[in-house]
Amino acid sequence: MSAKTILLADDDSAIRTVLTQALTRAGYSVRATATATALWRWVAEGQGDCVITDVVLPDENAFDMLPRIKKNRPKLPVIVMSAQNTIMTAIRATELGAYDYLPKPFDLSALLQTVAKALEQVSKPSPAKPREMSESLPIIGRSSAMQEIYRVIARLTLTELTVMIIGESGTGKELVAKALHDFGKRRRGPFVAVNMAAIPRELIESELFGHEKGAFTGASARVAGRFEQAEGGTLFLDEIGDMPLEAQTRLLRVLQQGEFTSVGGNAPIKANVRIVAATHRDLRQLITQGQFREDLFFRLNVVPLRLPPLRERSEDIPDLARHFLNAAVKDGLPVKDISTGALEQLQTYRWPGNVRELENLMKRLIAMEIDDTIGAASVLAELAGSSAQIGHNHNSAAPSSDTILDFMEQHFSSYVSSFGDKLPPNGLYDRVLNEVEPPLLRAVLSATRGNQLKAADVLGINRNTLRVKIKQHQIKSLRGFS
C-alpha cells in the first residue's frame, strides 16, 4: 500500500521543515508549499489524502479557500492551524468544514494523532452554512487551557447534546452557555438563563414550568415558565446543584419524556429546548449525600465541560485586563492604559473570584487612578486590600505595608539594575528617592483610600511631612479625603 500524501501549506519555512520531517518519519508522503495557490492546484488535481494549512497565507486566507475545497472534494479532511487563537477561529474552522483546528504552538504528537484519525474517517457530515462572525469575542483567552475549551465548544455547536459546565464562581459559565447557543443550531431561538440559587426553593417549580390561574394563593393568571419561554432555543440552568429534590424529579421527567405540565395544570406541554446546565459544586458528592439525583446527573452530564479558574491560566490576564479597559470606556469611564508592571502584578494574584473579580478590580482602578496609565503601585495597593494573597502567600492575612515594601524593593532593584555595569551617576541617593518615593506614596494613599492620617501611620512619618511630600511630588489627593 502506498504512503498517504499530506498536503501542507504554511508560509513559515521553519514550520514547513519541522512538520515535513515529523510527517515523513511517521510514514507519510508530504508536499509542502508557502502559498494557497499551490495548495488549491494540488487539491483540484485530486492530489493528497489530507490537508494541513495555516489560516493566514500570503495570497489567500484558508477560510476563504475551505468552502471550495469542501465543494470540490467533500471527503478530503482539512486540518487548520492558526496563531490567532480565539474562540472565533475555532468556531469558524469547524463551521466551514475543517476536520480539526490546532492552535499554534502545538505538540507534534497531537498533530500526528489528528492526522491519523482524519485519514481513518470514512465520511464527513455536511458543513454548516457559513455566517458572518462578530468581531467582539464572547470569551477571552489564548492559553492552552482555553484553546481546548474553544475546540470543544466549536464541536458542540454542531450538536444539540446536553452540556454540563463545571467551574468555580466567576469563571464565565454563562458566557460559555451563551456561546453554545449563539453559534449553535438554535441560535434563532431564545436564550433563557435561570439561576437555581437565586430563586426561593418553593418557587422553583413554578419558575421553570409555569403555573395556572388559581394554582396557589396569589396565582391570579396563567404564567409561562422558563421552559415555555425558551421554546425552540436554549435553557441555561445555572447552579443546578442548588435545585431542590422535588424540582429535580420534575426536571428528570422532562428530559426523559420531552414534555411537562405546569403547576396546577393537567395538559402536557412539549419541551423543545436544548438544556445547558452549570455548577460550581461537586455533584457526585451531593449524590452520596442524597441531595442530588444520580439519574438526573447522568441525564445532564452528557458532555461535561470544565472551565479552568483564572489562576490556572494567568497568561490570559493581560488580554482580559485590556478587554475590560476597552469595555469600561463604552460604559462611560475614562480612557486608561495599563503598564507592563501592573499587568505583571495582576498575574501574581490568585483570583479567588476569577474573571468576575478581575473585571471589578479593573473598574475600580479606572475610576480611582489619577494618571492616564494604571501603574503597578495602584494595582498592588488594590490587591493589598483583598482577602486573598499574592503568589504563594495566599493563606495568610491580607497584606498591608509589608507587601507594599516588597513591591518598592522590586521597584528599587529594577531601577538600580538599569545602570548595568556602568558607574551610577552622581546624586544617586536623590535620584533613587525621587524614583521610588512617588509610587510608594501613591500606593499607601490608595491602600488607605486617601486618608492621610492613616497613610502617615503606615509610612511612619509625621502627617505634615506627608503633606509636604505630596505637594513636592504633585500627588493629587483622592476626592473625599484629606
Protein backbone atom coordinates (compact mmCIF):
# COMPACT_ATOMS: atom_id res chain seq x y z
CA MET A 1 0.00 0.00 0.00
CA SER A 2 1.42 3.38 -1.00
CA ALA A 3 2.00 6.01 1.65
CA LYS A 4 -0.76 8.54 2.26
CA THR A 5 0.07 12.01 0.97
CA ILE A 6 -0.25 15.06 3.18
CA LEU A 7 -0.61 18.49 1.57
CA LEU A 8 0.99 21.09 3.83
CA ALA A 9 0.66 24.89 3.49
CA ASP A 10 2.41 27.39 5.76
CA ASP A 11 4.38 30.50 4.86
CA ASP A 12 6.84 29.87 7.72
CA SER A 13 9.68 27.80 6.25
CA ALA A 14 10.77 26.57 9.70
CA ILE A 15 7.29 25.20 10.42
CA ARG A 16 7.16 23.54 6.98
CA THR A 17 10.53 21.88 7.61
CA VAL A 18 9.64 20.61 11.09
CA LEU A 19 6.24 19.29 10.05
CA THR A 20 7.57 17.71 6.87
CA GLN A 21 10.24 15.84 8.84
CA ALA A 22 7.76 14.69 11.51
CA LEU A 23 5.17 13.53 8.95
CA THR A 24 7.81 11.78 6.84
CA ARG A 25 9.14 9.91 9.89
CA ALA A 26 5.57 8.84 10.60
CA GLY A 27 5.41 7.20 7.17
CA TYR A 28 3.58 9.83 5.15
CA SER A 29 4.50 11.42 1.84
CA VAL A 30 4.48 15.22 2.11
CA ARG A 31 4.01 18.03 -0.42
CA ALA A 32 4.69 21.40 1.18
CA THR A 33 4.09 24.93 -0.05
CA ALA A 34 4.01 28.51 1.21
CA THR A 35 1.00 29.57 -0.88
CA ALA A 36 -2.71 28.93 -1.13
CA THR A 37 -2.40 28.92 -4.94
CA ALA A 38 -0.20 25.82 -4.99
CA LEU A 39 -2.32 24.11 -2.34
CA TRP A 40 -5.51 24.68 -4.29
CA ARG A 41 -3.90 23.43 -7.53
CA TRP A 42 -2.92 20.16 -5.83
CA VAL A 43 -6.40 19.75 -4.31
CA ALA A 44 -8.11 20.50 -7.66
CA GLU A 45 -5.87 17.93 -9.38
CA GLY A 46 -7.03 15.29 -6.91
CA GLN A 47 -3.73 15.03 -5.06
CA GLY A 48 -3.36 14.40 -1.35
CA ASP A 49 -5.23 12.41 1.24
CA CYS A 50 -5.22 15.10 3.95
CA VAL A 51 -4.59 18.85 4.09
CA ILE A 52 -2.79 20.75 6.85
CA THR A 53 -2.92 24.50 6.35
CA ASP A 54 -2.28 27.71 8.23
CA VAL A 55 -5.17 30.19 8.23
CA VAL A 56 -3.18 33.20 7.04
CA LEU A 57 -1.27 32.56 3.80
CA PRO A 58 0.40 35.25 1.66
CA ASP A 59 -2.06 35.06 -1.23
CA GLU A 60 -5.31 33.92 0.37
CA ASN A 61 -6.93 33.19 3.72
CA ALA A 62 -7.53 29.47 4.24
CA PHE A 63 -11.05 30.20 5.48
CA ASP A 64 -11.86 31.65 2.05
CA MET A 65 -10.49 28.52 0.39
CA LEU A 66 -12.14 25.95 2.67
CA PRO A 67 -15.62 26.14 1.06
CA ARG A 68 -14.05 25.47 -2.37
CA ILE A 69 -12.12 22.51 -1.02
CA LYS A 70 -15.21 21.03 0.64
CA LYS A 71 -17.28 21.55 -2.52
CA ASN A 72 -14.61 20.08 -4.81
CA ARG A 73 -13.56 17.21 -2.53
CA PRO A 74 -16.04 16.88 0.35
CA LYS A 75 -14.30 13.83 1.87
CA LEU A 76 -10.83 15.38 1.98
CA PRO A 77 -10.03 16.14 5.65
CA VAL A 78 -8.60 19.61 6.27
CA ILE A 79 -6.71 20.40 9.49
CA VAL A 80 -6.42 24.13 10.19
CA MET A 81 -3.53 25.68 12.13
CA SER A 82 -3.59 29.22 13.47
CA ALA A 83 -1.69 31.56 15.75
CA GLN A 84 -4.89 33.64 16.03
CA ASN A 85 -6.03 31.54 18.94
CA THR A 86 -9.54 32.80 19.69
CA ILE A 87 -12.87 31.07 20.05
CA MET A 88 -13.96 32.65 16.76
CA THR A 89 -11.12 30.92 14.91
CA ALA A 90 -12.09 27.55 16.34
CA ILE A 91 -15.79 28.01 15.60
CA ARG A 92 -15.21 29.34 12.07
CA ALA A 93 -12.88 26.45 11.22
CA THR A 94 -15.49 23.95 12.39
CA GLU A 95 -18.37 25.69 10.63
CA LEU A 96 -16.51 25.77 7.34
CA GLY A 97 -15.99 22.02 7.49
CA ALA A 98 -12.43 21.68 8.82
CA TYR A 99 -11.75 18.27 10.33
CA ASP A 100 -9.96 19.88 13.29
CA TYR A 101 -8.38 23.10 14.48
CA LEU A 102 -4.94 23.22 16.13
CA PRO A 103 -3.78 26.42 17.82
CA LYS A 104 -0.11 27.32 17.44
CA PRO A 105 2.14 26.31 19.06
CA PHE A 106 1.01 22.69 19.24
CA ASP A 107 2.51 19.37 20.20
CA LEU A 108 3.76 17.34 17.22
CA SER A 109 2.40 14.11 18.68
CA ALA A 110 -1.05 15.72 18.90
CA LEU A 111 -0.81 16.71 15.24
CA LEU A 112 0.20 13.20 14.18
CA GLN A 113 -2.70 11.71 16.15
CA THR A 114 -5.10 14.14 14.49
CA VAL A 115 -3.77 13.25 11.02
CA ALA A 116 -4.12 9.54 11.75
CA LYS A 117 -7.73 9.98 12.89
CA ALA A 118 -8.54 12.20 9.92
CA LEU A 119 -7.29 9.56 7.47
CA GLU A 120 -9.41 6.91 9.18
CA GLN A 121 -12.65 8.78 8.66
CA VAL A 122 -14.99 7.37 6.05
CA SER A 123 -17.30 10.32 5.59
CA LYS A 124 -17.73 13.85 6.86
CA PRO A 125 -21.10 15.48 7.69
CA SER A 126 -22.05 18.42 5.50
CA PRO A 127 -20.67 21.61 6.98
CA ALA A 128 -22.99 24.20 8.44
CA LYS A 129 -23.63 27.19 6.25
CA PRO A 130 -21.03 29.89 6.94
CA ARG A 131 -22.31 33.05 8.61
CA GLU A 132 -20.90 36.41 9.49
CA MET A 133 -18.81 36.42 12.65
CA SER A 134 -18.99 39.19 15.21
CA GLU A 135 -15.70 40.94 15.87
CA SER A 136 -16.44 41.05 19.60
CA LEU A 137 -15.15 37.95 21.33
CA PRO A 138 -17.61 36.32 23.75
CA ILE A 139 -14.75 34.61 25.62
CA ILE A 140 -11.23 35.95 26.07
CA GLY A 141 -8.05 33.87 26.39
CA ARG A 142 -5.22 32.39 24.35
CA SER A 143 -3.87 29.93 26.93
CA SER A 144 -3.68 26.22 26.14
CA ALA A 145 -6.45 25.59 28.68
CA MET A 146 -8.80 27.94 26.84
CA GLN A 147 -7.81 26.59 23.43
CA GLU A 148 -9.15 23.20 24.46
CA ILE A 149 -12.38 24.85 25.63
CA TYR A 150 -12.71 26.58 22.24
CA ARG A 151 -12.26 23.30 20.38
CA VAL A 152 -14.94 21.58 22.46
CA ILE A 153 -17.37 24.50 22.07
CA ALA A 154 -16.78 24.52 18.31
CA ARG A 155 -17.68 20.83 18.07
CA LEU A 156 -20.68 21.16 20.36
CA THR A 157 -22.22 23.96 18.25
CA LEU A 158 -22.85 21.32 15.57
CA THR A 159 -24.92 19.21 18.00
CA GLU A 160 -27.83 19.62 20.41
CA LEU A 161 -26.32 17.49 23.15
CA THR A 162 -26.96 18.39 26.77
CA VAL A 163 -23.89 20.04 28.29
CA MET A 164 -22.80 20.29 31.92
CA ILE A 165 -20.44 23.22 32.55
CA ILE A 166 -18.36 22.82 35.69
CA GLY A 167 -16.34 25.65 37.16
CA GLU A 168 -15.78 27.96 40.10
CA SER A 169 -17.90 31.08 40.51
CA GLY A 170 -16.79 33.84 38.19
CA THR A 171 -15.15 31.63 35.55
CA GLY A 172 -17.65 32.55 32.83
CA LYS A 173 -20.05 29.60 32.78
CA GLU A 174 -22.92 31.67 31.40
CA LEU A 175 -20.66 33.13 28.69
CA VAL A 176 -19.86 29.60 27.52
CA ALA A 177 -23.52 28.62 27.59
CA LYS A 178 -24.37 31.73 25.56
CA ALA A 179 -21.62 30.91 23.04
CA LEU A 180 -23.03 27.38 22.63
CA HIS A 181 -26.39 28.96 21.86
CA ASP A 182 -25.26 31.89 19.69
CA PHE A 183 -23.15 29.70 17.40
CA GLY A 184 -25.34 26.59 17.57
CA LYS A 185 -28.32 25.24 15.64
CA ARG A 186 -30.83 27.01 17.90
CA ARG A 187 -29.32 30.48 17.61
CA ARG A 188 -32.53 31.89 16.08
CA GLY A 189 -34.44 30.85 19.20
CA PRO A 190 -34.34 32.48 22.65
CA PHE A 191 -31.58 32.01 25.22
CA VAL A 192 -33.13 31.84 28.68
CA ALA A 193 -30.95 31.71 31.81
CA VAL A 194 -32.20 30.85 35.27
CA ASN A 195 -30.09 30.69 38.44
CA MET A 196 -31.32 28.00 40.81
CA ALA A 197 -29.53 29.59 43.77
CA ALA A 198 -31.32 32.92 43.27
CA ILE A 199 -34.89 31.56 43.40
CA PRO A 200 -36.71 30.63 46.62
CA ARG A 201 -36.95 26.84 46.76
CA GLU A 202 -40.75 26.87 46.95
CA LEU A 203 -40.98 28.89 43.72
CA ILE A 204 -38.53 26.95 41.53
CA GLU A 205 -41.11 24.60 40.01
CA SER A 206 -43.40 27.49 39.12
CA GLU A 207 -40.43 29.44 37.74
CA LEU A 208 -39.36 26.55 35.48
CA PHE A 209 -42.68 25.05 34.42
CA GLY A 210 -45.10 27.94 34.87
CA HIS A 211 -48.42 27.83 36.69
CA GLU A 212 -52.13 28.01 36.01
CA LYS A 213 -54.56 30.56 37.37
CA GLY A 214 -55.56 29.56 40.88
CA ALA A 215 -52.73 27.03 41.25
CA PHE A 216 -51.79 28.65 44.56
CA THR A 217 -52.58 31.73 46.60
CA GLY A 218 -51.73 34.78 44.55
CA ALA A 219 -51.79 32.99 41.17
CA SER A 220 -54.26 35.39 39.55
CA ALA A 221 -53.36 34.46 35.98
CA ARG A 222 -51.58 31.81 33.97
CA VAL A 223 -47.84 32.41 33.78
CA ALA A 224 -45.49 30.67 31.34
CA GLY A 225 -42.38 29.14 32.88
CA ARG A 226 -38.81 29.26 31.64
CA PHE A 227 -39.23 26.07 29.59
CA GLU A 228 -42.00 27.69 27.56
CA GLN A 229 -40.06 30.96 27.29
CA ALA A 230 -37.09 29.04 25.86
CA GLU A 231 -39.19 27.24 23.24
CA GLY A 232 -37.02 26.49 20.20
CA GLY A 233 -33.90 27.80 21.92
CA THR A 234 -31.61 27.08 24.85
CA LEU A 235 -32.43 26.88 28.56
CA PHE A 236 -29.41 27.53 30.78
CA LEU A 237 -29.84 26.09 34.28
CA ASP A 238 -27.15 27.76 36.37
CA GLU A 239 -26.15 26.38 39.79
CA ILE A 240 -28.08 23.18 39.14
CA GLY A 241 -26.66 21.76 42.38
CA ASP A 242 -28.97 24.08 44.33
CA MET A 243 -32.14 22.68 42.77
CA PRO A 244 -34.41 21.02 45.40
CA LEU A 245 -35.14 17.30 45.03
CA GLU A 246 -38.81 17.81 44.15
CA ALA A 247 -37.90 20.02 41.21
CA GLN A 248 -35.15 17.57 40.21
CA THR A 249 -37.78 14.86 39.84
CA ARG A 250 -39.88 17.03 37.52
CA LEU A 251 -36.81 18.05 35.50
CA LEU A 252 -35.82 14.40 35.07
CA ARG A 253 -39.29 13.64 33.73
CA VAL A 254 -38.94 16.43 31.17
CA LEU A 255 -35.59 15.09 30.00
CA GLN A 256 -36.96 11.54 29.75
CA GLN A 257 -40.34 12.26 28.15
CA GLY A 258 -39.76 15.58 26.38
CA GLU A 259 -42.83 17.16 27.97
CA PHE A 260 -44.06 18.65 31.24
CA THR A 261 -47.14 20.03 32.96
CA SER A 262 -47.38 23.44 34.58
CA VAL A 263 -48.06 23.79 38.30
CA GLY A 264 -51.79 23.25 38.72
CA GLY A 265 -52.17 22.09 35.11
CA ASN A 266 -53.08 18.75 33.54
CA ALA A 267 -52.35 19.14 29.83
CA PRO A 268 -48.83 18.07 28.80
CA ILE A 269 -46.66 20.72 27.16
CA LYS A 270 -43.91 19.75 24.71
CA ALA A 271 -40.42 20.82 25.74
CA ASN A 272 -38.50 21.84 22.62
CA VAL A 273 -35.34 23.22 24.24
CA ARG A 274 -31.66 22.44 24.49
CA ILE A 275 -30.50 22.11 28.10
CA VAL A 276 -27.17 23.52 29.26
CA ALA A 277 -26.55 23.19 32.99
CA ALA A 278 -23.79 24.58 35.17
CA THR A 279 -22.49 24.21 38.71
CA HIS A 280 -19.56 25.12 40.94
CA ARG A 281 -20.40 22.27 43.31
CA ASP A 282 -19.29 18.62 43.31
CA LEU A 283 -22.47 16.89 42.15
CA ARG A 284 -21.08 13.41 42.81
CA GLN A 285 -20.58 14.37 46.43
CA LEU A 286 -24.12 15.74 46.57
CA ILE A 287 -25.33 12.41 45.18
CA THR A 288 -23.63 10.49 48.01
CA GLN A 289 -25.22 12.91 50.47
CA GLY A 290 -28.66 12.28 48.99
CA GLN A 291 -29.03 15.89 47.81
CA PHE A 292 -28.89 15.25 44.06
CA ARG A 293 -30.47 12.51 41.95
CA GLU A 294 -27.95 10.23 40.29
CA ASP A 295 -30.23 9.52 37.32
CA LEU A 296 -30.65 13.26 36.72
CA PHE A 297 -26.88 13.73 36.92
CA PHE A 298 -26.31 11.23 34.11
CA ARG A 299 -29.05 12.87 32.01
CA LEU A 300 -27.40 16.29 32.39
CA ASN A 301 -23.77 15.19 32.27
CA VAL A 302 -23.85 14.01 28.64
CA VAL A 303 -20.92 16.29 27.76
CA PRO A 304 -19.03 17.65 30.79
CA LEU A 305 -17.08 20.85 30.15
CA ARG A 306 -14.73 22.06 32.90
CA LEU A 307 -13.79 25.74 32.91
CA PRO A 308 -10.35 26.43 34.41
CA PRO A 309 -10.08 29.01 37.21
CA LEU A 310 -8.18 32.17 36.35
CA ARG A 311 -5.18 31.13 38.47
CA GLU A 312 -4.66 28.20 36.07
CA ARG A 313 -4.48 30.50 33.05
CA SER A 314 -2.66 33.57 34.31
CA GLU A 315 -1.20 34.15 30.83
CA ASP A 316 -4.71 35.27 29.78
CA ILE A 317 -4.82 38.08 32.37
CA PRO A 318 -3.21 40.80 30.17
CA ASP A 319 -5.75 40.19 27.37
CA LEU A 320 -8.61 40.17 29.87
CA ALA A 321 -7.41 43.33 31.59
CA ARG A 322 -7.14 45.23 28.30
CA HIS A 323 -10.56 43.94 27.27
CA PHE A 324 -12.08 45.34 30.47
CA LEU A 325 -10.28 48.65 29.92
CA ASN A 326 -11.91 48.94 26.48
CA ALA A 327 -15.30 47.83 27.77
CA ALA A 328 -15.19 50.43 30.56
CA VAL A 329 -14.89 53.24 28.01
CA LYS A 330 -18.19 52.14 26.45
CA ASP A 331 -19.72 52.35 29.94
CA GLY A 332 -18.65 55.99 30.26
CA LEU A 333 -15.49 55.51 32.31
CA PRO A 334 -12.33 57.42 31.31
CA VAL A 335 -9.79 56.03 28.85
CA LYS A 336 -6.88 54.41 30.67
CA ASP A 337 -3.80 52.44 29.71
CA ILE A 338 -2.06 49.88 31.93
CA SER A 339 1.66 49.41 32.42
CA THR A 340 3.60 46.19 31.94
CA GLY A 341 4.48 46.21 35.63
CA ALA A 342 0.81 46.48 36.57
CA LEU A 343 -0.05 43.50 34.36
CA GLU A 344 2.75 41.50 36.00
CA GLN A 345 1.31 42.30 39.43
CA LEU A 346 -2.13 41.11 38.28
CA GLN A 347 -0.58 37.82 37.16
CA THR A 348 0.86 37.12 40.62
CA TYR A 349 -2.54 37.19 42.32
CA ARG A 350 -4.60 34.03 42.84
CA TRP A 351 -8.02 35.49 41.92
CA PRO A 352 -10.43 33.59 44.18
CA GLY A 353 -13.28 35.42 42.42
CA ASN A 354 -11.83 34.56 39.00
CA VAL A 355 -12.63 36.65 35.91
CA ARG A 356 -15.51 38.45 37.63
CA GLU A 357 -13.15 39.66 40.36
CA LEU A 358 -10.65 40.87 37.76
CA GLU A 359 -13.39 42.79 35.94
CA ASN A 360 -14.50 44.51 39.14
CA LEU A 361 -10.91 45.36 40.05
CA MET A 362 -10.27 46.92 36.65
CA LYS A 363 -13.37 49.12 37.05
CA ARG A 364 -12.13 50.32 40.44
CA LEU A 365 -8.68 51.02 39.08
CA ILE A 366 -10.07 53.00 36.16
CA ALA A 367 -12.26 55.08 38.47
CA MET A 368 -9.58 55.68 41.14
CA GLU A 369 -6.40 56.08 39.09
CA ILE A 370 -5.34 59.71 38.74
CA ASP A 371 -2.81 59.17 35.96
CA ASP A 372 -3.64 58.14 32.40
CA THR A 373 -1.78 54.87 32.92
CA ILE A 374 -2.60 52.39 35.67
CA GLY A 375 0.70 51.59 37.34
CA ALA A 376 1.97 48.66 39.37
CA ALA A 377 1.72 50.62 42.62
CA SER A 378 -2.01 51.22 42.13
CA VAL A 379 -2.62 47.54 41.33
CA LEU A 380 -0.60 46.44 44.33
CA ALA A 381 -2.49 48.77 46.65
CA GLU A 382 -5.84 47.40 45.45
CA LEU A 383 -4.68 43.81 45.77
CA ALA A 384 -3.32 44.56 49.23
CA GLY A 385 -6.83 45.27 50.38
CA SER A 386 -8.22 42.00 49.02
CA SER A 387 -8.90 38.96 51.14
CA ALA A 388 -6.66 36.66 49.10
CA GLN A 389 -2.89 36.88 48.88
CA ILE A 390 -0.41 37.45 46.10
CA GLY A 391 1.63 34.46 44.94
CA HIS A 392 2.08 31.54 47.33
CA ASN A 393 1.25 33.58 50.41
CA HIS A 394 -2.47 33.29 49.85
CA ASN A 395 -3.44 31.59 53.10
CA SER A 396 -2.28 34.33 55.46
CA ALA A 397 -3.91 37.64 56.38
CA ALA A 398 -4.32 40.42 53.85
CA PRO A 399 -1.04 42.26 53.24
CA SER A 400 -0.51 45.86 54.09
CA SER A 401 2.74 47.78 54.43
CA ASP A 402 4.90 44.63 54.17
CA THR A 403 3.54 43.83 50.73
CA ILE A 404 3.94 47.42 49.66
CA LEU A 405 7.56 47.32 50.84
CA ASP A 406 8.13 44.16 48.83
CA PHE A 407 6.92 45.98 45.76
CA MET A 408 9.12 49.00 46.49
CA GLU A 409 12.14 46.71 46.88
CA GLN A 410 11.43 45.26 43.45
CA HIS A 411 10.94 48.76 42.08
CA PHE A 412 14.26 49.91 43.60
CA SER A 413 16.14 46.83 42.34
CA SER A 414 14.78 47.35 38.85
CA TYR A 415 15.92 50.97 38.85
CA VAL A 416 19.43 50.19 40.10
CA SER A 417 19.84 47.24 37.69
CA SER A 418 19.14 49.62 34.81
CA PHE A 419 22.68 51.01 35.29
CA GLY A 420 24.12 47.64 34.25
CA ASP A 421 27.92 47.58 34.50
CA LYS A 422 28.14 51.37 34.32
CA LEU A 423 29.10 53.52 37.28
CA PRO A 424 25.90 55.03 38.75
CA PRO A 425 25.50 58.77 38.14
CA ASN A 426 26.28 61.36 40.79
CA GLY A 427 23.46 62.21 43.15
CA LEU A 428 22.27 58.60 43.22
CA TYR A 429 20.51 59.00 46.58
CA ASP A 430 18.25 61.83 45.39
CA ARG A 431 17.67 60.12 42.05
CA VAL A 432 16.56 56.86 43.67
CA LEU A 433 14.47 58.72 46.25
CA ASN A 434 12.67 60.67 43.53
CA GLU A 435 12.15 57.45 41.58
CA VAL A 436 10.83 55.39 44.48
CA GLU A 437 9.02 57.86 46.73
CA PRO A 438 6.13 58.94 44.43
CA PRO A 439 4.85 55.39 43.67
CA LEU A 440 5.28 54.50 47.35
CA LEU A 441 3.15 57.45 48.43
CA ARG A 442 0.52 56.70 45.77
CA ALA A 443 0.39 53.04 46.81
CA VAL A 444 -0.10 53.83 50.50
CA LEU A 445 -2.62 56.60 49.83
CA SER A 446 -4.57 54.29 47.56
CA ALA A 447 -4.46 51.49 50.15
CA THR A 448 -5.79 53.87 52.81
CA ARG A 449 -8.38 55.33 50.41
CA GLY A 450 -6.73 58.76 50.62
CA ASN A 451 -6.74 59.01 54.42
CA GLN A 452 -3.52 60.93 55.05
CA LEU A 453 -3.53 60.27 58.81
CA LYS A 454 -3.60 56.50 58.24
CA ALA A 455 -1.09 56.78 55.40
CA ALA A 456 1.33 58.69 57.65
CA ASP A 457 0.98 55.94 60.29
CA VAL A 458 1.74 53.23 57.70
CA LEU A 459 4.78 55.17 56.48
CA GLY A 460 5.94 56.03 60.00
CA ILE A 461 6.21 59.75 59.28
CA ASN A 462 4.52 62.90 60.54
CA ARG A 463 1.30 63.90 58.78
CA ASN A 464 2.76 67.33 57.97
CA THR A 465 5.80 65.64 56.41
CA LEU A 466 3.47 63.55 54.29
CA ARG A 467 1.63 66.66 53.13
CA VAL A 468 4.92 68.30 52.14
CA LYS A 469 5.94 65.23 50.12
CA ILE A 470 2.52 65.05 48.46
CA LYS A 471 2.91 68.64 47.37
CA GLN A 472 6.57 68.13 46.37
CA HIS A 473 5.73 65.22 44.07
CA GLN A 474 2.44 66.80 42.91
CA ILE A 475 0.38 63.83 44.03
CA LYS A 476 -3.32 64.56 43.85
CA SER A 477 -5.32 63.55 46.92
CA LEU A 478 -8.20 61.18 46.41
CA ARG A 479 -11.50 63.01 46.35
CA GLY A 480 -13.34 63.00 49.67
CA PHE A 481 -10.30 62.58 51.91
CA SER A 482 -7.69 64.94 53.32
